[in-house]
Amino acid sequence: MPADTEVRLQRLCKEILAATTKAEVERILPELRAALAEHIRRAKDSLELQASTIALLDELASKDSPKPGSKMAAD
């Protein structure tokens, strides 16, 4: 997961906590929501890629494994 979204979220959280007026909060909140949505999207994309990679590696490993009872399995 890219650290840039985490840094952006931390910065926006600090900004919103330091806000002293409603106008400041209303200015920061949409950007914070957008950053959260982007972070979640990237996390989902990353997990989907990891899951498909694991599935592909499992498939390749099962093709390379000798079948029970085959000559290679007996060696």
Protein backbone atom coordinates (compact mmCIF):
# COMPACT_ATOMS: atom_id res chain seq x y z
CA MET A 1 0.00 0.00 0.00
CA PRO A 2 1.54 3.30 -0.98
CA ALA A 3 2.54 5.39 1.99
CA ASP A 4 1.51 8.61 0.26
CA THR A 5 -2.18 8.05 1.02
CA GLU A 6 -1.35 7.30 4.65
CA VAL A 7 0.71 10.48 4.92
CA ARG A 8 -2.10 12.46 3.31
CA LEU A 9 -4.65 10.97 5.72
CA GLN A 10 -2.47 11.76 8.72
CA ARG A 11 -1.99 15.34 7.54
CA LEU A 12 -5.72 15.85 6.96
CA CYS A 13 -6.60 14.34 10.34
CA LYS A 14 -4.16 16.71 12.04
CA GLU A 15 -5.61 19.63 10.10
CA ILE A 16 -9.19 18.80 11.00
CA LEU A 17 -8.31 18.31 14.67
CA ALA A 18 -6.56 21.67 14.69
CA ALA A 19 -9.42 23.45 12.93
CA THR A 20 -10.93 26.20 15.02
CA THR A 21 -13.88 27.17 12.85
CA LYS A 22 -16.73 25.35 11.22
CA ALA A 23 -15.60 26.77 7.87
CA GLU A 24 -12.19 25.12 8.25
CA VAL A 25 -13.79 21.77 9.07
CA GLU A 26 -16.16 22.08 6.11
CA ARG A 27 -13.19 22.86 3.85
CA ILE A 28 -11.10 19.89 5.05
CA LEU A 29 -13.81 17.25 5.46
CA PRO A 30 -14.50 16.60 1.74
CA GLU A 31 -10.77 16.20 1.10
CA LEU A 32 -10.49 13.80 4.05
CA ARG A 33 -13.43 11.76 2.77
CA ALA A 34 -11.90 11.60 -0.70
CA ALA A 35 -8.54 10.54 0.73
CA LEU A 36 -10.23 7.78 2.76
CA ALA A 37 -12.10 6.55 -0.31
CA GLU A 38 -8.86 6.48 -2.33
CA HIS A 39 -7.04 4.64 0.46
CA ILE A 40 -9.81 2.02 0.69
CA ARG A 41 -9.87 1.59 -3.11
CA ARG A 42 -6.10 1.08 -3.21
CA ALA A 43 -6.26 -1.39 -0.33
CA LYS A 44 -8.96 -3.41 -2.11
CA ASP A 45 -7.01 -3.37 -5.37
CA SER A 46 -3.90 -4.54 -3.55
CA LEU A 47 -5.75 -7.38 -1.84
CA GLU A 48 -7.36 -8.49 -5.10
CA LEU A 49 -3.97 -8.55 -6.80
CA GLN A 50 -2.45 -10.54 -3.94
CA ALA A 51 -5.33 -13.03 -4.00
CA SER A 52 -5.06 -13.56 -7.76
CA THR A 53 -1.28 -13.95 -7.50
CA ILE A 54 -1.65 -16.56 -4.76
CA ALA A 55 -4.25 -18.43 -6.83
CA LEU A 56 -1.96 -18.40 -9.85
CA LEU A 57 1.02 -19.62 -7.81
CA ASP A 58 -1.12 -22.38 -6.27
CA GLU A 59 -2.23 -23.45 -9.75
CA LEU A 60 1.34 -23.49 -11.05
CA ALA A 61 2.56 -25.41 -8.00
CA SER A 62 -0.15 -28.04 -8.43
CA LYS A 63 0.86 -28.54 -12.08
CA ASP A 64 4.49 -29.01 -11.07
CA SER A 65 3.70 -31.47 -8.27
CA PRO A 66 3.95 -35.16 -9.17
CA LYS A 67 0.68 -37.04 -9.10
CA PRO A 68 0.33 -39.72 -6.41
CA GLY A 69 1.32 -43.09 -7.82
CA SER A 70 3.37 -41.63 -10.68
CA LYS A 71 6.97 -42.67 -11.26
CA MET A 72 8.25 -39.28 -10.04
CA ALA A 73 6.22 -39.55 -6.82
CA ALA A 74 7.81 -42.95 -6.10
CA ASP A 75 11.39 -41.63 -6.52
